Structures are given as C-alpha cells and as structure tokens.
Amino acid sequence: VVLVGASAGLITLSGGGSLVQIGVAVVV
C-alpha cells in the first residue's frame, strides 16, 4: 500500500505538481 501511494506521489512530483496535489495523489 505504501509503495503504490508513494509511487503516485512521485509521479505527481515529477510532473511538477504542487504540495497539495502531491498529497492528494499519495492519499488516492
């Protein structure tokens, strides 16, 4: 579960997302 969540956050980070977007991506 942590790996899938972290992966979503890292993808958002590499796409230039804001901190809020990264947080949402990790939760989702």
mmCIF file of all heavy atoms, coordinates in Angstrom:
data_MODEL
# 
_entry.id   MODEL 
# 
loop_
_atom_site.group_PDB 
_atom_site.id 
_atom_site.type_symbol 
_atom_site.label_atom_id 
_atom_site.label_alt_id 
_atom_site.label_comp_id 
_atom_site.label_asym_id 
_atom_site.label_entity_id 
_atom_site.label_seq_id 
_atom_site.pdbx_PDB_ins_code 
_atom_site.Cartn_x 
_atom_site.Cartn_y 
_atom_site.Cartn_z 
_atom_site.occupancy 
_atom_site.B_iso_or_equiv 
_atom_site.pdbx_formal_charge 
_atom_site.auth_seq_id 
_atom_site.auth_comp_id 
_atom_site.auth_asym_id 
_atom_site.auth_atom_id 
_atom_site.pdbx_PDB_model_num 
ATOM 1   N N   . VAL A 1 1  ? 0.841  -1.210 0.000   1.00 0.00 ? 1  VAL A N   1 
ATOM 2   C CA  . VAL A 1 1  ? 0.000  0.000  0.000   1.00 0.00 ? 1  VAL A CA  1 
ATOM 3   C C   . VAL A 1 1  ? 0.872  1.254  0.000   1.00 0.00 ? 1  VAL A C   1 
ATOM 4   O O   . VAL A 1 1  ? 0.618  2.198  -0.763  1.00 0.00 ? 1  VAL A O   1 
ATOM 5   C CB  . VAL A 1 1  ? -0.970 -0.016 1.195   1.00 0.00 ? 1  VAL A CB  1 
ATOM 6   C CG1 . VAL A 1 1  ? -1.698 1.316  1.322   1.00 0.00 ? 1  VAL A CG1 1 
ATOM 7   C CG2 . VAL A 1 1  ? -1.965 -1.159 1.066   1.00 0.00 ? 1  VAL A CG2 1 
ATOM 8   N N   . VAL A 1 2  ? 1.911  1.271  0.806   1.00 0.00 ? 2  VAL A N   1 
ATOM 9   C CA  . VAL A 1 2  ? 2.796  2.437  0.878   1.00 0.00 ? 2  VAL A CA  1 
ATOM 10  C C   . VAL A 1 2  ? 3.523  2.657  -0.451  1.00 0.00 ? 2  VAL A C   1 
ATOM 11  O O   . VAL A 1 2  ? 3.652  3.799  -0.919  1.00 0.00 ? 2  VAL A O   1 
ATOM 12  C CB  . VAL A 1 2  ? 3.804  2.289  2.041   1.00 0.00 ? 2  VAL A CB  1 
ATOM 13  C CG1 . VAL A 1 2  ? 4.912  3.321  1.955   1.00 0.00 ? 2  VAL A CG1 1 
ATOM 14  C CG2 . VAL A 1 2  ? 3.084  2.385  3.371   1.00 0.00 ? 2  VAL A CG2 1 
ATOM 15  N N   . LEU A 1 3  ? 3.963  1.588  -1.087  1.00 0.00 ? 3  LEU A N   1 
ATOM 16  C CA  . LEU A 1 3  ? 4.667  1.720  -2.363  1.00 0.00 ? 3  LEU A CA  1 
ATOM 17  C C   . LEU A 1 3  ? 3.762  2.287  -3.453  1.00 0.00 ? 3  LEU A C   1 
ATOM 18  O O   . LEU A 1 3  ? 4.187  3.138  -4.239  1.00 0.00 ? 3  LEU A O   1 
ATOM 19  C CB  . LEU A 1 3  ? 5.238  0.376  -2.806  1.00 0.00 ? 3  LEU A CB  1 
ATOM 20  C CG  . LEU A 1 3  ? 6.508  -0.065 -2.106  1.00 0.00 ? 3  LEU A CG  1 
ATOM 21  C CD1 . LEU A 1 3  ? 6.901  -1.469 -2.550  1.00 0.00 ? 3  LEU A CD1 1 
ATOM 22  C CD2 . LEU A 1 3  ? 7.637  0.893  -2.409  1.00 0.00 ? 3  LEU A CD2 1 
ATOM 23  N N   . VAL A 1 4  ? 2.521  1.827  -3.509  1.00 0.00 ? 4  VAL A N   1 
ATOM 24  C CA  . VAL A 1 4  ? 1.598  2.350  -4.527  1.00 0.00 ? 4  VAL A CA  1 
ATOM 25  C C   . VAL A 1 4  ? 1.302  3.827  -4.246  1.00 0.00 ? 4  VAL A C   1 
ATOM 26  O O   . VAL A 1 4  ? 1.305  4.655  -5.162  1.00 0.00 ? 4  VAL A O   1 
ATOM 27  C CB  . VAL A 1 4  ? 0.304  1.512  -4.579  1.00 0.00 ? 4  VAL A CB  1 
ATOM 28  C CG1 . VAL A 1 4  ? -0.718 2.146  -5.495  1.00 0.00 ? 4  VAL A CG1 1 
ATOM 29  C CG2 . VAL A 1 4  ? 0.603  0.087  -5.035  1.00 0.00 ? 4  VAL A CG2 1 
ATOM 30  N N   . GLY A 1 5  ? 1.077  4.178  -2.984  1.00 0.00 ? 5  GLY A N   1 
ATOM 31  C CA  . GLY A 1 5  ? 0.824  5.575  -2.635  1.00 0.00 ? 5  GLY A CA  1 
ATOM 32  C C   . GLY A 1 5  ? 2.022  6.462  -2.918  1.00 0.00 ? 5  GLY A C   1 
ATOM 33  O O   . GLY A 1 5  ? 1.875  7.563  -3.470  1.00 0.00 ? 5  GLY A O   1 
ATOM 34  N N   . ALA A 1 6  ? 3.206  6.010  -2.549  1.00 0.00 ? 6  ALA A N   1 
ATOM 35  C CA  . ALA A 1 6  ? 4.419  6.798  -2.788  1.00 0.00 ? 6  ALA A CA  1 
ATOM 36  C C   . ALA A 1 6  ? 4.685  6.945  -4.284  1.00 0.00 ? 6  ALA A C   1 
ATOM 37  O O   . ALA A 1 6  ? 5.124  8.008  -4.745  1.00 0.00 ? 6  ALA A O   1 
ATOM 38  C CB  . ALA A 1 6  ? 5.613  6.143  -2.102  1.00 0.00 ? 6  ALA A CB  1 
ATOM 39  N N   . SER A 1 7  ? 4.399  5.908  -5.029  1.00 0.00 ? 7  SER A N   1 
ATOM 40  C CA  . SER A 1 7  ? 4.578  5.970  -6.477  1.00 0.00 ? 7  SER A CA  1 
ATOM 41  C C   . SER A 1 7  ? 3.698  7.051  -7.086  1.00 0.00 ? 7  SER A C   1 
ATOM 42  O O   . SER A 1 7  ? 4.148  7.828  -7.943  1.00 0.00 ? 7  SER A O   1 
ATOM 43  C CB  . SER A 1 7  ? 4.247  4.608  -7.086  1.00 0.00 ? 7  SER A CB  1 
ATOM 44  O OG  . SER A 1 7  ? 4.270  4.669  -8.494  1.00 0.00 ? 7  SER A OG  1 
ATOM 45  N N   . ALA A 1 8  ? 2.441  7.111  -6.653  1.00 0.00 ? 8  ALA A N   1 
ATOM 46  C CA  . ALA A 1 8  ? 1.538  8.151  -7.165  1.00 0.00 ? 8  ALA A CA  1 
ATOM 47  C C   . ALA A 1 8  ? 2.064  9.539  -6.808  1.00 0.00 ? 8  ALA A C   1 
ATOM 48  O O   . ALA A 1 8  ? 2.026  10.462 -7.637  1.00 0.00 ? 8  ALA A O   1 
ATOM 49  C CB  . ALA A 1 8  ? 0.141  7.950  -6.600  1.00 0.00 ? 8  ALA A CB  1 
ATOM 50  N N   . GLY A 1 9  ? 2.563  9.702  -5.600  1.00 0.00 ? 9  GLY A N   1 
ATOM 51  C CA  . GLY A 1 9  ? 3.123  10.988 -5.191  1.00 0.00 ? 9  GLY A CA  1 
ATOM 52  C C   . GLY A 1 9  ? 4.355  11.369 -5.989  1.00 0.00 ? 9  GLY A C   1 
ATOM 53  O O   . GLY A 1 9  ? 4.520  12.530 -6.390  1.00 0.00 ? 9  GLY A O   1 
ATOM 54  N N   . LEU A 1 10 ? 5.221  10.398 -6.243  1.00 0.00 ? 10 LEU A N   1 
ATOM 55  C CA  . LEU A 1 10 ? 6.439  10.683 -7.009  1.00 0.00 ? 10 LEU A CA  1 
ATOM 56  C C   . LEU A 1 10 ? 6.129  11.014 -8.464  1.00 0.00 ? 10 LEU A C   1 
ATOM 57  O O   . LEU A 1 10 ? 6.788  11.877 -9.061  1.00 0.00 ? 10 LEU A O   1 
ATOM 58  C CB  . LEU A 1 10 ? 7.396  9.491  -6.932  1.00 0.00 ? 10 LEU A CB  1 
ATOM 59  C CG  . LEU A 1 10 ? 8.081  9.301  -5.586  1.00 0.00 ? 10 LEU A CG  1 
ATOM 60  C CD1 . LEU A 1 10 ? 8.862  7.993  -5.561  1.00 0.00 ? 10 LEU A CD1 1 
ATOM 61  C CD2 . LEU A 1 10 ? 8.994  10.470 -5.282  1.00 0.00 ? 10 LEU A CD2 1 
ATOM 62  N N   . ILE A 1 11 ? 5.128  10.368 -9.028  1.00 0.00 ? 11 ILE A N   1 
ATOM 63  C CA  . ILE A 1 11 ? 4.731  10.684 -10.399 1.00 0.00 ? 11 ILE A CA  1 
ATOM 64  C C   . ILE A 1 11 ? 4.207  12.115 -10.458 1.00 0.00 ? 11 ILE A C   1 
ATOM 65  O O   . ILE A 1 11 ? 4.519  12.875 -11.381 1.00 0.00 ? 11 ILE A O   1 
ATOM 66  C CB  . ILE A 1 11 ? 3.683  9.672  -10.900 1.00 0.00 ? 11 ILE A CB  1 
ATOM 67  C CG1 . ILE A 1 11 ? 4.338  8.320  -11.116 1.00 0.00 ? 11 ILE A CG1 1 
ATOM 68  C CG2 . ILE A 1 11 ? 3.019  10.163 -12.187 1.00 0.00 ? 11 ILE A CG2 1 
ATOM 69  C CD1 . ILE A 1 11 ? 3.366  7.187  -11.366 1.00 0.00 ? 11 ILE A CD1 1 
ATOM 70  N N   . THR A 1 12 ? 3.408  12.492 -9.470  1.00 0.00 ? 12 THR A N   1 
ATOM 71  C CA  . THR A 1 12 ? 2.881  13.855 -9.421  1.00 0.00 ? 12 THR A CA  1 
ATOM 72  C C   . THR A 1 12 ? 4.006  14.863 -9.217  1.00 0.00 ? 12 THR A C   1 
ATOM 73  O O   . THR A 1 12 ? 4.023  15.928 -9.833  1.00 0.00 ? 12 THR A O   1 
ATOM 74  C CB  . THR A 1 12 ? 1.840  13.981 -8.300  1.00 0.00 ? 12 THR A CB  1 
ATOM 75  O OG1 . THR A 1 12 ? 0.849  12.976 -8.479  1.00 0.00 ? 12 THR A OG1 1 
ATOM 76  C CG2 . THR A 1 12 ? 1.179  15.343 -8.311  1.00 0.00 ? 12 THR A CG2 1 
ATOM 77  N N   . LEU A 1 13 ? 4.961  14.533 -8.369  1.00 0.00 ? 13 LEU A N   1 
ATOM 78  C CA  . LEU A 1 13 ? 6.112  15.405 -8.142  1.00 0.00 ? 13 LEU A CA  1 
ATOM 79  C C   . LEU A 1 13 ? 6.911  15.591 -9.424  1.00 0.00 ? 13 LEU A C   1 
ATOM 80  O O   . LEU A 1 13 ? 7.294  16.708 -9.770  1.00 0.00 ? 13 LEU A O   1 
ATOM 81  C CB  . LEU A 1 13 ? 7.006  14.819 -7.038  1.00 0.00 ? 13 LEU A CB  1 
ATOM 82  C CG  . LEU A 1 13 ? 8.303  15.563 -6.742  1.00 0.00 ? 13 LEU A CG  1 
ATOM 83  C CD1 . LEU A 1 13 ? 7.995  16.934 -6.164  1.00 0.00 ? 13 LEU A CD1 1 
ATOM 84  C CD2 . LEU A 1 13 ? 9.162  14.749 -5.788  1.00 0.00 ? 13 LEU A CD2 1 
ATOM 85  N N   . SER A 1 14 ? 7.148  14.514 -10.152 1.00 0.00 ? 14 SER A N   1 
ATOM 86  C CA  . SER A 1 14 ? 7.928  14.620 -11.390 1.00 0.00 ? 14 SER A CA  1 
ATOM 87  C C   . SER A 1 14 ? 7.175  15.396 -12.466 1.00 0.00 ? 14 SER A C   1 
ATOM 88  O O   . SER A 1 14 ? 7.790  15.954 -13.374 1.00 0.00 ? 14 SER A O   1 
ATOM 89  C CB  . SER A 1 14 ? 8.311  13.232 -11.908 1.00 0.00 ? 14 SER A CB  1 
ATOM 90  O OG  . SER A 1 14 ? 7.177  12.557 -12.393 1.00 0.00 ? 14 SER A OG  1 
ATOM 91  N N   . GLY A 1 15 ? 5.846  15.437 -12.352 1.00 0.00 ? 15 GLY A N   1 
ATOM 92  C CA  . GLY A 1 15 ? 5.051  16.217 -13.290 1.00 0.00 ? 15 GLY A CA  1 
ATOM 93  C C   . GLY A 1 15 ? 4.935  17.681 -12.904 1.00 0.00 ? 15 GLY A C   1 
ATOM 94  O O   . GLY A 1 15 ? 4.264  18.449 -13.583 1.00 0.00 ? 15 GLY A O   1 
ATOM 95  N N   . GLY A 1 16 ? 5.529  18.063 -11.795 1.00 0.00 ? 16 GLY A N   1 
ATOM 96  C CA  . GLY A 1 16 ? 5.536  19.464 -11.383 1.00 0.00 ? 16 GLY A CA  1 
ATOM 97  C C   . GLY A 1 16 ? 4.330  19.850 -10.545 1.00 0.00 ? 16 GLY A C   1 
ATOM 98  O O   . GLY A 1 16 ? 3.953  21.018 -10.515 1.00 0.00 ? 16 GLY A O   1 
ATOM 99  N N   . GLY A 1 17 ? 3.733  18.904 -9.857  1.00 0.00 ? 17 GLY A N   1 
ATOM 100 C CA  . GLY A 1 17 ? 2.561  19.193 -9.033  1.00 0.00 ? 17 GLY A CA  1 
ATOM 101 C C   . GLY A 1 17 ? 2.905  19.972 -7.783  1.00 0.00 ? 17 GLY A C   1 
ATOM 102 O O   . GLY A 1 17 ? 4.042  19.953 -7.300  1.00 0.00 ? 17 GLY A O   1 
ATOM 103 N N   . SER A 1 18 ? 1.900  20.670 -7.254  1.00 0.00 ? 18 SER A N   1 
ATOM 104 C CA  . SER A 1 18 ? 2.080  21.414 -6.003  1.00 0.00 ? 18 SER A CA  1 
ATOM 105 C C   . SER A 1 18 ? 2.054  20.434 -4.826  1.00 0.00 ? 18 SER A C   1 
ATOM 106 O O   . SER A 1 18 ? 1.744  19.256 -4.991  1.00 0.00 ? 18 SER A O   1 
ATOM 107 C CB  . SER A 1 18 ? 0.964  22.441 -5.846  1.00 0.00 ? 18 SER A CB  1 
ATOM 108 O OG  . SER A 1 18 ? -0.278 21.781 -5.638  1.00 0.00 ? 18 SER A OG  1 
ATOM 109 N N   . LEU A 1 19 ? 2.353  20.943 -3.641  1.00 0.00 ? 19 LEU A N   1 
ATOM 110 C CA  . LEU A 1 19 ? 2.347  20.088 -2.455  1.00 0.00 ? 19 LEU A CA  1 
ATOM 111 C C   . LEU A 1 19 ? 0.967  19.504 -2.184  1.00 0.00 ? 19 LEU A C   1 
ATOM 112 O O   . LEU A 1 19 ? 0.840  18.351 -1.777  1.00 0.00 ? 19 LEU A O   1 
ATOM 113 C CB  . LEU A 1 19 ? 2.838  20.857 -1.231  1.00 0.00 ? 19 LEU A CB  1 
ATOM 114 C CG  . LEU A 1 19 ? 4.339  21.130 -1.178  1.00 0.00 ? 19 LEU A CG  1 
ATOM 115 C CD1 . LEU A 1 19 ? 4.678  21.963 0.067   1.00 0.00 ? 19 LEU A CD1 1 
ATOM 116 C CD2 . LEU A 1 19 ? 5.125  19.850 -1.172  1.00 0.00 ? 19 LEU A CD2 1 
ATOM 117 N N   . VAL A 1 20 ? -0.070 20.296 -2.428  1.00 0.00 ? 20 VAL A N   1 
ATOM 118 C CA  . VAL A 1 20 ? -1.436 19.813 -2.227  1.00 0.00 ? 20 VAL A CA  1 
ATOM 119 C C   . VAL A 1 20 ? -1.739 18.685 -3.215  1.00 0.00 ? 20 VAL A C   1 
ATOM 120 O O   . VAL A 1 20 ? -2.292 17.653 -2.845  1.00 0.00 ? 20 VAL A O   1 
ATOM 121 C CB  . VAL A 1 20 ? -2.460 20.964 -2.374  1.00 0.00 ? 20 VAL A CB  1 
ATOM 122 C CG1 . VAL A 1 20 ? -3.880 20.443 -2.353  1.00 0.00 ? 20 VAL A CG1 1 
ATOM 123 C CG2 . VAL A 1 20 ? -2.245 21.997 -1.284  1.00 0.00 ? 20 VAL A CG2 1 
ATOM 124 N N   . GLN A 1 21 ? -1.365 18.871 -4.463  1.00 0.00 ? 21 GLN A N   1 
ATOM 125 C CA  . GLN A 1 21 ? -1.595 17.843 -5.477  1.00 0.00 ? 21 GLN A CA  1 
ATOM 126 C C   . GLN A 1 21 ? -0.825 16.565 -5.153  1.00 0.00 ? 21 GLN A C   1 
ATOM 127 O O   . GLN A 1 21 ? -1.345 15.464 -5.337  1.00 0.00 ? 21 GLN A O   1 
ATOM 128 C CB  . GLN A 1 21 ? -1.204 18.357 -6.856  1.00 0.00 ? 21 GLN A CB  1 
ATOM 129 C CG  . GLN A 1 21 ? -2.117 19.441 -7.376  1.00 0.00 ? 21 GLN A CG  1 
ATOM 130 C CD  . GLN A 1 21 ? -1.591 20.086 -8.639  1.00 0.00 ? 21 GLN A CD  1 
ATOM 131 O OE1 . GLN A 1 21 ? -0.370 20.204 -8.819  1.00 0.00 ? 21 GLN A OE1 1 
ATOM 132 N NE2 . GLN A 1 21 ? -2.503 20.516 -9.503  1.00 0.00 ? 21 GLN A NE2 1 
ATOM 133 N N   . ILE A 1 22 ? 0.382  16.715 -4.673  1.00 0.00 ? 22 ILE A N   1 
ATOM 134 C CA  . ILE A 1 22 ? 1.190  15.544 -4.310  1.00 0.00 ? 22 ILE A CA  1 
ATOM 135 C C   . ILE A 1 22 ? 0.537  14.812 -3.148  1.00 0.00 ? 22 ILE A C   1 
ATOM 136 O O   . ILE A 1 22 ? 0.439  13.586 -3.148  1.00 0.00 ? 22 ILE A O   1 
ATOM 137 C CB  . ILE A 1 22 ? 2.641  15.965 -3.973  1.00 0.00 ? 22 ILE A CB  1 
ATOM 138 C CG1 . ILE A 1 22 ? 3.341  16.494 -5.228  1.00 0.00 ? 22 ILE A CG1 1 
ATOM 139 C CG2 . ILE A 1 22 ? 3.420  14.807 -3.373  1.00 0.00 ? 22 ILE A CG2 1 
ATOM 140 C CD1 . ILE A 1 22 ? 4.658  17.190 -4.965  1.00 0.00 ? 22 ILE A CD1 1 
ATOM 141 N N   . GLY A 1 23 ? 0.082  15.576 -2.147  1.00 0.00 ? 23 GLY A N   1 
ATOM 142 C CA  . GLY A 1 23 ? -0.593 14.969 -1.000  1.00 0.00 ? 23 GLY A CA  1 
ATOM 143 C C   . GLY A 1 23 ? -1.848 14.215 -1.408  1.00 0.00 ? 23 GLY A C   1 
ATOM 144 O O   . GLY A 1 23 ? -2.101 13.102 -0.955  1.00 0.00 ? 23 GLY A O   1 
ATOM 145 N N   . VAL A 1 24 ? -2.634 14.840 -2.283  1.00 0.00 ? 24 VAL A N   1 
ATOM 146 C CA  . VAL A 1 24 ? -3.854 14.179 -2.764  1.00 0.00 ? 24 VAL A CA  1 
ATOM 147 C C   . VAL A 1 24 ? -3.496 12.909 -3.534  1.00 0.00 ? 24 VAL A C   1 
ATOM 148 O O   . VAL A 1 24 ? -4.144 11.871 -3.383  1.00 0.00 ? 24 VAL A O   1 
ATOM 149 C CB  . VAL A 1 24 ? -4.694 15.150 -3.625  1.00 0.00 ? 24 VAL A CB  1 
ATOM 150 C CG1 . VAL A 1 24 ? -5.808 14.434 -4.355  1.00 0.00 ? 24 VAL A CG1 1 
ATOM 151 C CG2 . VAL A 1 24 ? -5.246 16.271 -2.768  1.00 0.00 ? 24 VAL A CG2 1 
ATOM 152 N N   . ALA A 1 25 ? -2.463 12.986 -4.350  1.00 0.00 ? 25 ALA A N   1 
ATOM 153 C CA  . ALA A 1 25 ? -2.049 11.819 -5.123  1.00 0.00 ? 25 ALA A CA  1 
ATOM 154 C C   . ALA A 1 25 ? -1.606 10.674 -4.211  1.00 0.00 ? 25 ALA A C   1 
ATOM 155 O O   . ALA A 1 25 ? -1.909 9.512  -4.482  1.00 0.00 ? 25 ALA A O   1 
ATOM 156 C CB  . ALA A 1 25 ? -0.922 12.192 -6.085  1.00 0.00 ? 25 ALA A CB  1 
ATOM 157 N N   . VAL A 1 26 ? -0.904 11.002 -3.136  1.00 0.00 ? 26 VAL A N   1 
ATOM 158 C CA  . VAL A 1 26 ? -0.466 9.966  -2.196  1.00 0.00 ? 26 VAL A CA  1 
ATOM 159 C C   . VAL A 1 26 ? -1.668 9.312  -1.522  1.00 0.00 ? 26 VAL A C   1 
ATOM 160 O O   . VAL A 1 26 ? -1.740 8.085  -1.404  1.00 0.00 ? 26 VAL A O   1 
ATOM 161 C CB  . VAL A 1 26 ? 0.519  10.546 -1.150  1.00 0.00 ? 26 VAL A CB  1 
ATOM 162 C CG1 . VAL A 1 26 ? 0.760  9.559  -0.024  1.00 0.00 ? 26 VAL A CG1 1 
ATOM 163 C CG2 . VAL A 1 26 ? 1.828  10.931 -1.815  1.00 0.00 ? 26 VAL A CG2 1 
ATOM 164 N N   . VAL A 1 27 ? -2.629 10.123 -1.111  1.00 0.00 ? 27 VAL A N   1 
ATOM 165 C CA  . VAL A 1 27 ? -3.828 9.579  -0.454  1.00 0.00 ? 27 VAL A CA  1 
ATOM 166 C C   . VAL A 1 27 ? -4.623 8.715  -1.423  1.00 0.00 ? 27 VAL A C   1 
ATOM 167 O O   . VAL A 1 27 ? -5.004 7.586  -1.106  1.00 0.00 ? 27 VAL A O   1 
ATOM 168 C CB  . VAL A 1 27 ? -4.692 10.719 0.132   1.00 0.00 ? 27 VAL A CB  1 
ATOM 169 C CG1 . VAL A 1 27 ? -6.037 10.198 0.597   1.00 0.00 ? 27 VAL A CG1 1 
ATOM 170 C CG2 . VAL A 1 27 ? -3.959 11.399 1.271   1.00 0.00 ? 27 VAL A CG2 1 
ATOM 171 N N   . VAL A 1 28 ? -4.863 9.239  -2.619  1.00 0.00 ? 28 VAL A N   1 
ATOM 172 C CA  . VAL A 1 28 ? -5.624 8.471  -3.610  1.00 0.00 ? 28 VAL A CA  1 
ATOM 173 C C   . VAL A 1 28 ? -4.848 7.216  -4.018  1.00 0.00 ? 28 VAL A C   1 
ATOM 174 O O   . VAL A 1 28 ? -5.434 6.136  -4.166  1.00 0.00 ? 28 VAL A O   1 
ATOM 175 C CB  . VAL A 1 28 ? -5.956 9.353  -4.836  1.00 0.00 ? 28 VAL A CB  1 
ATOM 176 C CG1 . VAL A 1 28 ? -6.549 8.529  -5.965  1.00 0.00 ? 28 VAL A CG1 1 
ATOM 177 C CG2 . VAL A 1 28 ? -6.897 10.472 -4.437  1.00 0.00 ? 28 VAL A CG2 1 
# 
